[in-house]
Amino acid sequence: MKLLGIIFFGCLALPLSAQTVYLTPAEALKLIFFKSEQVLPERQSLNPVQQKGIEKKIGFRLEKTEWNFYVAKTKGKVDGYALIDQEVGKTEPITFLTAITPEGRVKEVEVLVYREPIGGEVREERFLRQYRGKGPSDPVRVGRDLANVTGATLSARAVSAGVKRALLLWEVFYGRLNNPNKN
């Protein structure tokens, strides 16, 4: 009986992890770009100058230099862009999609996979809708520009960091930094 108690209480010290898959990447892309004729992946790479520029703006080091954007089109015209990415919340990565309009504004943010035992409220509409309309030059900070979610501060900050990164990457690959004549 004493051994059973040690095993039981020992288990309480282990971190509880959870993984909830809300949407697959294909489901999320179909949900966001339901009117588009095609949604195709496009691999993009940052050069060292672009990487340093983004890192300066976001205040942390990028873990990679290659990104898979999805470009939605109808009759050859771009309907929007999406980046499926992840950012660590408290201890586990949160996988999410940031959909961006052709003009470079957030269209939608969807949480695809949430792995933490608490803080899953970041996938609720009341939190995610705050990102709509944000652009690359807009601040995206929890507690300042965005209302926090009680009990999900680290997760909210993680999603915000990822959305800001997606907007800055869009700006480099598709926006005015890629095409100086674009307004």
N, C-alpha and C. Protein backbone atom coordinates (compact mmCIF):
# COMPACT_ATOMS: atom_id res chain seq x y z
N MET A 1 0.83 -1.20 0.00
CA MET A 1 0.00 0.00 0.00
C MET A 1 0.87 1.26 0.00
N LYS A 2 1.98 1.20 0.76
CA LYS A 2 2.88 2.34 0.80
C LYS A 2 3.46 2.62 -0.59
N LEU A 3 3.80 1.59 -1.33
CA LEU A 3 4.34 1.74 -2.69
C LEU A 3 3.30 2.38 -3.61
N LEU A 4 2.05 1.99 -3.47
CA LEU A 4 0.97 2.55 -4.29
C LEU A 4 0.84 4.05 -4.03
N GLY A 5 0.95 4.46 -2.77
CA GLY A 5 0.87 5.88 -2.42
C GLY A 5 2.02 6.66 -3.02
N ILE A 6 3.21 6.10 -3.02
CA ILE A 6 4.36 6.77 -3.61
C ILE A 6 4.16 6.92 -5.11
N ILE A 7 3.69 5.88 -5.75
CA ILE A 7 3.44 5.95 -7.20
C ILE A 7 2.38 6.98 -7.50
N PHE A 8 1.28 7.00 -6.73
CA PHE A 8 0.19 7.94 -6.96
C PHE A 8 0.66 9.37 -6.79
N PHE A 9 1.31 9.68 -5.66
CA PHE A 9 1.75 11.05 -5.42
C PHE A 9 2.88 11.44 -6.35
N GLY A 10 3.70 10.48 -6.75
CA GLY A 10 4.74 10.76 -7.72
C GLY A 10 4.17 11.19 -9.05
N CYS A 11 3.04 10.63 -9.44
CA CYS A 11 2.39 10.99 -10.70
C CYS A 11 1.86 12.41 -10.67
N LEU A 12 1.47 12.89 -9.48
CA LEU A 12 0.96 14.26 -9.38
C LEU A 12 2.03 15.29 -9.70
N ALA A 13 3.28 14.93 -9.50
CA ALA A 13 4.36 15.86 -9.78
C ALA A 13 4.67 15.97 -11.27
N LEU A 14 4.24 15.02 -12.06
CA LEU A 14 4.49 15.06 -13.50
C LEU A 14 3.60 16.11 -14.16
N PRO A 15 4.11 16.82 -15.14
CA PRO A 15 3.27 17.80 -15.82
C PRO A 15 2.15 17.10 -16.59
N LEU A 16 0.99 17.69 -16.49
CA LEU A 16 -0.14 17.17 -17.24
C LEU A 16 -0.12 17.82 -18.61
N SER A 17 -0.09 17.03 -19.64
CA SER A 17 -0.13 17.63 -20.97
C SER A 17 -1.37 17.13 -21.69
N ALA A 18 -1.86 17.96 -22.51
CA ALA A 18 -3.06 17.62 -23.27
C ALA A 18 -2.82 18.06 -24.70
N GLN A 19 -3.47 17.40 -25.60
CA GLN A 19 -3.41 17.84 -26.99
C GLN A 19 -4.81 17.75 -27.55
N THR A 20 -5.31 18.87 -28.00
CA THR A 20 -6.60 18.89 -28.64
C THR A 20 -6.43 19.41 -30.05
N VAL A 21 -6.81 18.60 -31.01
CA VAL A 21 -6.77 19.01 -32.41
C VAL A 21 -8.14 19.55 -32.76
N TYR A 22 -8.20 20.83 -33.08
CA TYR A 22 -9.47 21.47 -33.44
C TYR A 22 -9.70 21.41 -34.94
N LEU A 23 -8.64 21.64 -35.70
CA LEU A 23 -8.73 21.63 -37.16
C LEU A 23 -7.43 21.08 -37.74
N THR A 24 -7.54 20.35 -38.82
CA THR A 24 -6.35 19.97 -39.57
C THR A 24 -5.98 21.16 -40.45
N PRO A 25 -4.76 21.22 -40.95
CA PRO A 25 -4.42 22.32 -41.86
C PRO A 25 -5.37 22.40 -43.06
N ALA A 26 -5.72 21.26 -43.65
CA ALA A 26 -6.62 21.27 -44.81
C ALA A 26 -8.00 21.82 -44.43
N GLU A 27 -8.52 21.42 -43.26
CA GLU A 27 -9.82 21.93 -42.82
C GLU A 27 -9.78 23.43 -42.57
N ALA A 28 -8.70 23.90 -41.94
CA ALA A 28 -8.58 25.33 -41.65
C ALA A 28 -8.51 26.16 -42.93
N LEU A 29 -7.72 25.70 -43.90
CA LEU A 29 -7.61 26.42 -45.16
C LEU A 29 -8.94 26.44 -45.91
N LYS A 30 -9.66 25.34 -45.86
CA LYS A 30 -10.97 25.27 -46.53
C LYS A 30 -11.98 26.19 -45.83
N LEU A 31 -11.91 26.26 -44.51
CA LEU A 31 -12.80 27.12 -43.73
C LEU A 31 -12.55 28.59 -44.07
N ILE A 32 -11.30 28.98 -44.14
CA ILE A 32 -10.95 30.38 -44.37
C ILE A 32 -11.16 30.79 -45.83
N PHE A 33 -10.74 29.93 -46.76
CA PHE A 33 -10.79 30.27 -48.18
C PHE A 33 -11.84 29.44 -48.92
N PHE A 34 -13.03 29.35 -48.36
CA PHE A 34 -14.08 28.50 -48.93
C PHE A 34 -14.54 28.96 -50.31
N LYS A 35 -14.35 30.22 -50.65
CA LYS A 35 -14.77 30.72 -51.96
C LYS A 35 -13.66 30.62 -53.02
N SER A 36 -12.45 30.36 -52.60
CA SER A 36 -11.31 30.34 -53.52
C SER A 36 -11.30 29.09 -54.39
N GLU A 37 -10.87 29.25 -55.63
CA GLU A 37 -10.75 28.12 -56.56
C GLU A 37 -9.59 27.21 -56.19
N GLN A 38 -8.50 27.81 -55.72
CA GLN A 38 -7.32 27.02 -55.37
C GLN A 38 -6.57 27.66 -54.21
N VAL A 39 -5.95 26.82 -53.42
CA VAL A 39 -5.09 27.26 -52.33
C VAL A 39 -3.82 26.43 -52.45
N LEU A 40 -2.73 27.09 -52.82
CA LEU A 40 -1.48 26.38 -53.08
C LEU A 40 -0.38 26.83 -52.12
N PRO A 41 0.44 25.87 -51.69
CA PRO A 41 1.57 26.24 -50.82
C PRO A 41 2.67 26.93 -51.62
N GLU A 42 3.36 27.83 -50.96
CA GLU A 42 4.47 28.54 -51.56
C GLU A 42 5.58 28.65 -50.51
N ARG A 43 6.71 28.04 -50.77
CA ARG A 43 7.83 28.08 -49.83
C ARG A 43 8.59 29.39 -50.02
N GLN A 44 8.80 30.08 -48.92
CA GLN A 44 9.51 31.36 -48.95
C GLN A 44 10.72 31.29 -48.02
N SER A 45 11.78 31.97 -48.38
CA SER A 45 13.00 31.99 -47.57
C SER A 45 13.44 33.42 -47.31
N LEU A 46 13.85 33.67 -46.08
CA LEU A 46 14.39 34.97 -45.72
C LEU A 46 15.89 34.99 -45.98
N ASN A 47 16.36 36.11 -46.50
CA ASN A 47 17.81 36.28 -46.56
C ASN A 47 18.25 36.86 -45.20
N PRO A 48 19.55 36.89 -44.92
CA PRO A 48 20.01 37.36 -43.60
C PRO A 48 19.57 38.79 -43.26
N VAL A 49 19.53 39.68 -44.23
CA VAL A 49 19.11 41.06 -43.98
C VAL A 49 17.63 41.10 -43.59
N GLN A 50 16.79 40.36 -44.32
CA GLN A 50 15.36 40.29 -44.00
C GLN A 50 15.15 39.69 -42.61
N GLN A 51 15.88 38.64 -42.31
CA GLN A 51 15.77 37.97 -41.02
C GLN A 51 16.09 38.95 -39.89
N LYS A 52 17.19 39.67 -40.00
CA LYS A 52 17.59 40.63 -38.96
C LYS A 52 16.56 41.75 -38.82
N GLY A 53 15.99 42.18 -39.94
CA GLY A 53 14.98 43.23 -39.90
C GLY A 53 13.74 42.79 -39.13
N ILE A 54 13.28 41.58 -39.38
CA ILE A 54 12.11 41.06 -38.66
C ILE A 54 12.44 40.85 -37.19
N GLU A 55 13.60 40.29 -36.91
CA GLU A 55 13.99 40.05 -35.51
C GLU A 55 14.06 41.35 -34.72
N LYS A 56 14.52 42.40 -35.36
CA LYS A 56 14.58 43.71 -34.69
C LYS A 56 13.16 44.20 -34.36
N LYS A 57 12.24 44.01 -35.28
CA LYS A 57 10.86 44.47 -35.06
C LYS A 57 10.11 43.66 -34.02
N ILE A 58 10.34 42.35 -33.97
CA ILE A 58 9.58 41.52 -33.02
C ILE A 58 10.30 41.34 -31.68
N GLY A 59 11.60 41.62 -31.66
CA GLY A 59 12.33 41.56 -30.40
C GLY A 59 12.78 40.18 -29.96
N PHE A 60 12.74 39.22 -30.84
CA PHE A 60 13.28 37.90 -30.53
C PHE A 60 13.80 37.24 -31.79
N ARG A 61 14.63 36.24 -31.58
CA ARG A 61 15.29 35.55 -32.70
C ARG A 61 14.32 34.60 -33.40
N LEU A 62 14.36 34.59 -34.72
CA LEU A 62 13.58 33.64 -35.49
C LEU A 62 14.27 32.29 -35.45
N GLU A 63 13.50 31.24 -35.24
CA GLU A 63 14.06 29.90 -35.15
C GLU A 63 14.35 29.29 -36.52
N LYS A 64 13.77 29.87 -37.56
CA LYS A 64 13.98 29.33 -38.90
C LYS A 64 13.95 30.46 -39.92
N THR A 65 14.36 30.15 -41.14
CA THR A 65 14.36 31.17 -42.20
C THR A 65 13.47 30.78 -43.37
N GLU A 66 12.89 29.57 -43.34
CA GLU A 66 12.00 29.13 -44.42
C GLU A 66 10.59 28.97 -43.88
N TRP A 67 9.62 29.39 -44.69
CA TRP A 67 8.22 29.40 -44.27
C TRP A 67 7.35 28.90 -45.40
N ASN A 68 6.29 28.20 -45.06
CA ASN A 68 5.31 27.74 -46.05
C ASN A 68 4.05 28.60 -45.94
N PHE A 69 3.90 29.49 -46.89
CA PHE A 69 2.68 30.28 -46.98
C PHE A 69 1.72 29.53 -47.89
N TYR A 70 0.45 29.82 -47.76
CA TYR A 70 -0.57 29.30 -48.66
C TYR A 70 -1.19 30.50 -49.34
N VAL A 71 -1.30 30.42 -50.66
CA VAL A 71 -1.85 31.53 -51.44
C VAL A 71 -3.15 31.05 -52.06
N ALA A 72 -4.24 31.75 -51.72
CA ALA A 72 -5.56 31.41 -52.24
C ALA A 72 -5.86 32.31 -53.44
N LYS A 73 -6.34 31.68 -54.53
CA LYS A 73 -6.62 32.44 -55.75
C LYS A 73 -7.93 32.00 -56.38
N THR A 74 -8.56 32.95 -57.07
CA THR A 74 -9.72 32.68 -57.89
C THR A 74 -9.52 33.43 -59.20
N LYS A 75 -9.59 32.70 -60.30
CA LYS A 75 -9.38 33.27 -61.64
C LYS A 75 -8.09 34.08 -61.71
N GLY A 76 -7.03 33.54 -61.11
CA GLY A 76 -5.72 34.17 -61.16
C GLY A 76 -5.52 35.33 -60.20
N LYS A 77 -6.57 35.76 -59.51
CA LYS A 77 -6.48 36.88 -58.58
C LYS A 77 -6.31 36.35 -57.16
N VAL A 78 -5.38 36.94 -56.42
CA VAL A 78 -5.12 36.50 -55.05
C VAL A 78 -6.29 36.89 -54.14
N ASP A 79 -6.82 35.88 -53.43
CA ASP A 79 -7.90 36.10 -52.45
C ASP A 79 -7.33 36.33 -51.06
N GLY A 80 -6.14 35.80 -50.81
CA GLY A 80 -5.53 35.95 -49.50
C GLY A 80 -4.36 35.01 -49.32
N TYR A 81 -3.76 35.13 -48.17
CA TYR A 81 -2.58 34.36 -47.81
C TYR A 81 -2.82 33.73 -46.44
N ALA A 82 -2.13 32.66 -46.16
CA ALA A 82 -2.21 32.05 -44.83
C ALA A 82 -0.86 31.47 -44.47
N LEU A 83 -0.58 31.53 -43.19
CA LEU A 83 0.62 30.91 -42.64
C LEU A 83 0.19 30.04 -41.47
N ILE A 84 0.54 28.77 -41.55
CA ILE A 84 0.32 27.86 -40.42
C ILE A 84 1.64 27.78 -39.69
N ASP A 85 1.60 28.12 -38.42
CA ASP A 85 2.82 28.24 -37.64
C ASP A 85 2.56 27.79 -36.22
N GLN A 86 3.59 27.78 -35.41
CA GLN A 86 3.38 27.47 -34.00
C GLN A 86 4.31 28.32 -33.15
N GLU A 87 3.87 28.52 -31.93
CA GLU A 87 4.61 29.29 -30.96
C GLU A 87 4.40 28.61 -29.61
N VAL A 88 5.42 28.55 -28.78
CA VAL A 88 5.31 27.90 -27.48
C VAL A 88 4.55 28.79 -26.52
N GLY A 89 3.55 28.20 -25.86
CA GLY A 89 2.79 28.90 -24.82
C GLY A 89 3.61 28.85 -23.54
N LYS A 90 3.10 28.17 -22.51
CA LYS A 90 3.88 28.02 -21.29
C LYS A 90 5.01 27.01 -21.50
N THR A 91 4.66 25.83 -22.00
CA THR A 91 5.69 24.81 -22.23
C THR A 91 5.52 24.07 -23.55
N GLU A 92 4.35 24.15 -24.15
CA GLU A 92 4.03 23.38 -25.35
C GLU A 92 3.70 24.29 -26.52
N PRO A 93 3.95 23.83 -27.75
CA PRO A 93 3.62 24.64 -28.91
C PRO A 93 2.11 24.72 -29.17
N ILE A 94 1.69 25.87 -29.60
CA ILE A 94 0.31 26.11 -30.04
C ILE A 94 0.39 26.25 -31.56
N THR A 95 -0.36 25.43 -32.28
CA THR A 95 -0.35 25.50 -33.74
C THR A 95 -1.56 26.32 -34.18
N PHE A 96 -1.33 27.31 -35.03
CA PHE A 96 -2.42 28.19 -35.46
C PHE A 96 -2.21 28.66 -36.88
N LEU A 97 -3.27 29.14 -37.47
CA LEU A 97 -3.25 29.68 -38.83
C LEU A 97 -3.55 31.16 -38.75
N THR A 98 -2.75 31.95 -39.44
CA THR A 98 -3.03 33.38 -39.59
C THR A 98 -3.38 33.60 -41.05
N ALA A 99 -4.61 34.01 -41.31
CA ALA A 99 -5.05 34.33 -42.68
C ALA A 99 -4.91 35.84 -42.86
N ILE A 100 -4.35 36.22 -44.00
CA ILE A 100 -4.05 37.62 -44.28
C ILE A 100 -4.68 38.02 -45.61
N THR A 101 -5.30 39.17 -45.64
CA THR A 101 -5.95 39.67 -46.85
C THR A 101 -4.89 40.06 -47.88
N PRO A 102 -5.28 40.24 -49.14
CA PRO A 102 -4.32 40.69 -50.15
C PRO A 102 -3.68 42.05 -49.81
N GLU A 103 -4.38 42.83 -48.99
CA GLU A 103 -3.86 44.15 -48.57
C GLU A 103 -2.95 44.07 -47.36
N GLY A 104 -2.80 42.89 -46.76
CA GLY A 104 -1.89 42.72 -45.64
C GLY A 104 -2.50 42.91 -44.27
N ARG A 105 -3.78 42.68 -44.15
CA ARG A 105 -4.47 42.78 -42.85
C ARG A 105 -4.92 41.39 -42.42
N VAL A 106 -4.94 41.17 -41.11
CA VAL A 106 -5.41 39.87 -40.61
C VAL A 106 -6.88 39.69 -40.97
N LYS A 107 -7.16 38.61 -41.64
CA LYS A 107 -8.53 38.24 -41.96
C LYS A 107 -9.10 37.39 -40.83
N GLU A 108 -8.29 36.44 -40.38
CA GLU A 108 -8.77 35.48 -39.37
C GLU A 108 -7.57 34.80 -38.72
N VAL A 109 -7.74 34.39 -37.48
CA VAL A 109 -6.76 33.55 -36.79
C VAL A 109 -7.53 32.35 -36.26
N GLU A 110 -7.00 31.16 -36.51
CA GLU A 110 -7.63 29.92 -36.04
C GLU A 110 -6.59 29.08 -35.31
N VAL A 111 -6.94 28.60 -34.11
CA VAL A 111 -6.07 27.67 -33.40
C VAL A 111 -6.38 26.27 -33.92
N LEU A 112 -5.34 25.59 -34.40
CA LEU A 112 -5.51 24.25 -34.96
C LEU A 112 -5.27 23.17 -33.90
N VAL A 113 -4.17 23.31 -33.15
CA VAL A 113 -3.84 22.33 -32.12
C VAL A 113 -3.41 23.08 -30.87
N TYR A 114 -4.02 22.69 -29.74
CA TYR A 114 -3.66 23.28 -28.45
C TYR A 114 -3.18 22.16 -27.55
N ARG A 115 -2.00 22.31 -26.95
CA ARG A 115 -1.37 21.21 -26.23
C ARG A 115 -1.22 21.42 -24.73
N GLU A 116 -1.52 22.57 -24.21
CA GLU A 116 -1.37 22.85 -22.78
C GLU A 116 -2.59 22.38 -22.00
N PRO A 117 -2.42 22.04 -20.71
CA PRO A 117 -3.58 21.62 -19.93
C PRO A 117 -4.52 22.77 -19.56
N ILE A 118 -4.01 24.01 -19.56
CA ILE A 118 -4.86 25.17 -19.29
C ILE A 118 -4.58 26.25 -20.33
N GLY A 119 -5.46 27.24 -20.42
CA GLY A 119 -5.24 28.36 -21.33
C GLY A 119 -5.86 28.22 -22.70
N GLY A 120 -6.63 27.16 -22.91
CA GLY A 120 -7.23 26.92 -24.22
C GLY A 120 -8.25 27.96 -24.63
N GLU A 121 -8.55 28.90 -23.74
CA GLU A 121 -9.51 29.96 -24.07
C GLU A 121 -9.00 30.85 -25.20
N VAL A 122 -7.70 30.75 -25.52
CA VAL A 122 -7.17 31.57 -26.62
C VAL A 122 -7.78 31.19 -27.96
N ARG A 123 -8.45 30.07 -28.04
CA ARG A 123 -9.07 29.69 -29.31
C ARG A 123 -10.50 30.22 -29.44
N GLU A 124 -10.98 30.89 -28.41
CA GLU A 124 -12.35 31.41 -28.44
C GLU A 124 -12.46 32.65 -29.33
N GLU A 125 -13.60 32.77 -29.97
CA GLU A 125 -13.88 33.87 -30.89
C GLU A 125 -13.66 35.23 -30.24
N ARG A 126 -14.07 35.39 -29.00
CA ARG A 126 -13.96 36.70 -28.34
C ARG A 126 -12.50 37.16 -28.22
N PHE A 127 -11.57 36.23 -28.15
CA PHE A 127 -10.16 36.58 -28.13
C PHE A 127 -9.61 36.75 -29.55
N LEU A 128 -9.85 35.78 -30.40
CA LEU A 128 -9.25 35.79 -31.74
C LEU A 128 -9.74 36.93 -32.63
N ARG A 129 -10.96 37.38 -32.45
CA ARG A 129 -11.48 38.46 -33.31
C ARG A 129 -10.72 39.77 -33.13
N GLN A 130 -9.99 39.89 -32.02
CA GLN A 130 -9.22 41.12 -31.78
C GLN A 130 -8.10 41.33 -32.81
N TYR A 131 -7.68 40.26 -33.47
CA TYR A 131 -6.61 40.34 -34.44
C TYR A 131 -7.09 40.87 -35.80
N ARG A 132 -8.37 40.71 -36.08
CA ARG A 132 -8.89 41.11 -37.40
C ARG A 132 -8.57 42.57 -37.70
N GLY A 133 -8.07 42.77 -38.91
CA GLY A 133 -7.76 44.13 -39.36
C GLY A 133 -6.37 44.61 -38.99
N LYS A 134 -5.66 43.88 -38.16
CA LYS A 134 -4.30 44.29 -37.79
C LYS A 134 -3.37 44.12 -38.99
N GLY A 135 -2.45 45.04 -39.14
CA GLY A 135 -1.49 44.98 -40.24
C GLY A 135 -0.06 44.93 -39.72
N PRO A 136 0.91 44.84 -40.62
CA PRO A 136 2.31 44.72 -40.22
C PRO A 136 2.82 45.87 -39.34
N SER A 137 2.30 47.06 -39.54
CA SER A 137 2.79 48.20 -38.75
C SER A 137 2.01 48.39 -37.44
N ASP A 138 0.95 47.63 -37.24
CA ASP A 138 0.17 47.73 -36.01
C ASP A 138 0.85 46.97 -34.88
N PRO A 139 0.81 47.53 -33.67
CA PRO A 139 1.31 46.76 -32.53
C PRO A 139 0.31 45.63 -32.25
N VAL A 140 0.81 44.52 -31.82
CA VAL A 140 -0.05 43.37 -31.50
C VAL A 140 0.44 42.86 -30.13
N ARG A 141 0.00 43.55 -29.06
CA ARG A 141 0.50 43.23 -27.73
C ARG A 141 -0.65 42.97 -26.77
N VAL A 142 -0.57 41.86 -26.11
CA VAL A 142 -1.56 41.50 -25.10
C VAL A 142 -1.40 42.44 -23.91
N GLY A 143 -2.53 42.93 -23.41
CA GLY A 143 -2.50 43.84 -22.27
C GLY A 143 -2.41 45.30 -22.68
N ARG A 144 -2.08 45.54 -23.93
CA ARG A 144 -2.02 46.91 -24.45
C ARG A 144 -2.99 47.10 -25.59
N ASP A 145 -2.77 46.36 -26.68
CA ASP A 145 -3.61 46.49 -27.87
C ASP A 145 -4.71 45.44 -27.90
N LEU A 146 -4.49 44.36 -27.16
CA LEU A 146 -5.43 43.24 -27.13
C LEU A 146 -5.77 42.91 -25.69
N ALA A 147 -7.02 42.61 -25.44
CA ALA A 147 -7.43 42.19 -24.10
C ALA A 147 -6.90 40.79 -23.84
N ASN A 148 -6.44 40.58 -22.62
CA ASN A 148 -5.91 39.28 -22.23
C ASN A 148 -7.06 38.31 -21.94
N VAL A 149 -6.73 37.05 -21.84
CA VAL A 149 -7.68 36.02 -21.44
C VAL A 149 -7.23 35.54 -20.08
N THR A 150 -8.08 35.66 -19.07
CA THR A 150 -7.73 35.22 -17.73
C THR A 150 -7.33 33.75 -17.74
N GLY A 151 -6.18 33.46 -17.16
CA GLY A 151 -5.70 32.09 -17.10
C GLY A 151 -4.96 31.62 -18.33
N ALA A 152 -4.81 32.51 -19.31
CA ALA A 152 -4.15 32.11 -20.56
C ALA A 152 -3.15 33.17 -21.02
N THR A 153 -2.53 33.86 -20.08
CA THR A 153 -1.64 34.96 -20.44
C THR A 153 -0.50 34.52 -21.35
N LEU A 154 0.18 33.44 -21.00
CA LEU A 154 1.32 32.99 -21.81
C LEU A 154 0.86 32.50 -23.18
N SER A 155 -0.28 31.83 -23.22
CA SER A 155 -0.81 31.37 -24.50
C SER A 155 -1.23 32.56 -25.36
N ALA A 156 -1.84 33.57 -24.76
CA ALA A 156 -2.25 34.76 -25.50
C ALA A 156 -1.03 35.49 -26.06
N ARG A 157 0.01 35.59 -25.26
CA ARG A 157 1.24 36.23 -25.73
C ARG A 157 1.86 35.43 -26.87
N ALA A 158 1.82 34.12 -26.76
CA ALA A 158 2.40 33.27 -27.81
C ALA A 158 1.67 33.45 -29.13
N VAL A 159 0.35 33.41 -29.10
CA VAL A 159 -0.42 33.60 -30.33
C VAL A 159 -0.16 34.99 -30.91
N SER A 160 -0.11 35.99 -30.05
CA SER A 160 0.15 37.36 -30.51
C SER A 160 1.52 37.48 -31.17
N ALA A 161 2.53 36.86 -30.59
CA ALA A 161 3.87 36.89 -31.18
C ALA A 161 3.86 36.22 -32.54
N GLY A 162 3.12 35.11 -32.66
CA GLY A 162 3.04 34.41 -33.94
C GLY A 162 2.29 35.18 -35.00
N VAL A 163 1.22 35.86 -34.61
CA VAL A 163 0.46 36.67 -35.57
C VAL A 163 1.31 37.84 -36.06
N LYS A 164 2.01 38.49 -35.14
CA LYS A 164 2.88 39.60 -35.53
C LYS A 164 3.96 39.11 -36.49
N ARG A 165 4.56 37.97 -36.18
CA ARG A 165 5.59 37.40 -37.06
C ARG A 165 5.00 37.11 -38.44
N ALA A 166 3.80 36.53 -38.50
CA ALA A 166 3.15 36.23 -39.78
C ALA A 166 2.95 37.50 -40.60
N LEU A 167 2.52 38.58 -39.96
CA LEU A 167 2.31 39.84 -40.66
C LEU A 167 3.62 40.41 -41.21
N LEU A 168 4.68 40.33 -40.42
CA LEU A 168 5.97 40.84 -40.87
C LEU A 168 6.55 39.98 -42.00
N LEU A 169 6.35 38.67 -41.91
CA LEU A 169 6.78 37.79 -43.00
C LEU A 169 5.99 38.09 -44.27
N TRP A 170 4.68 38.28 -44.14
CA TRP A 170 3.85 38.63 -45.30
C TRP A 170 4.38 39.91 -45.95
N GLU A 171 4.71 40.89 -45.10
CA GLU A 171 5.19 42.17 -45.63
C GLU A 171 6.46 41.98 -46.46
N VAL A 172 7.36 41.14 -45.99
CA VAL A 172 8.60 40.89 -46.72
C VAL A 172 8.34 40.12 -48.01
N PHE A 173 7.53 39.06 -47.94
CA PHE A 173 7.35 38.18 -49.10
C PHE A 173 6.33 38.69 -50.12
N TYR A 174 5.29 39.39 -49.66
CA TYR A 174 4.19 39.75 -50.56
C TYR A 174 3.81 41.23 -50.52
N GLY A 175 4.20 41.93 -49.50
CA GLY A 175 3.76 43.31 -49.30
C GLY A 175 4.66 44.34 -49.93
N ARG A 176 4.60 45.51 -49.38
CA ARG A 176 5.32 46.64 -49.96
C ARG A 176 6.84 46.45 -49.93
N LEU A 177 7.35 45.64 -48.98
CA LEU A 177 8.80 45.42 -48.95
C LEU A 177 9.25 44.56 -50.15
N ASN A 178 8.32 43.75 -50.65
CA ASN A 178 8.60 42.93 -51.82
C ASN A 178 8.33 43.73 -53.10
N ASN A 179 7.34 44.61 -53.03
CA ASN A 179 6.94 45.39 -54.18
C ASN A 179 6.85 46.86 -53.76
N PRO A 180 7.91 47.63 -53.86
CA PRO A 180 7.94 49.01 -53.39
C PRO A 180 6.85 49.91 -53.99
N ASN A 181 6.30 49.54 -55.15
CA ASN A 181 5.25 50.36 -55.78
C ASN A 181 3.88 50.12 -55.17
N LYS A 182 3.77 49.10 -54.32
CA LYS A 182 2.50 48.77 -53.69
C LYS A 182 2.23 49.72 -52.53
N ASN A 183 1.03 50.20 -52.41
CA ASN A 183 0.68 51.12 -51.31
C ASN A 183 0.35 50.36 -50.06
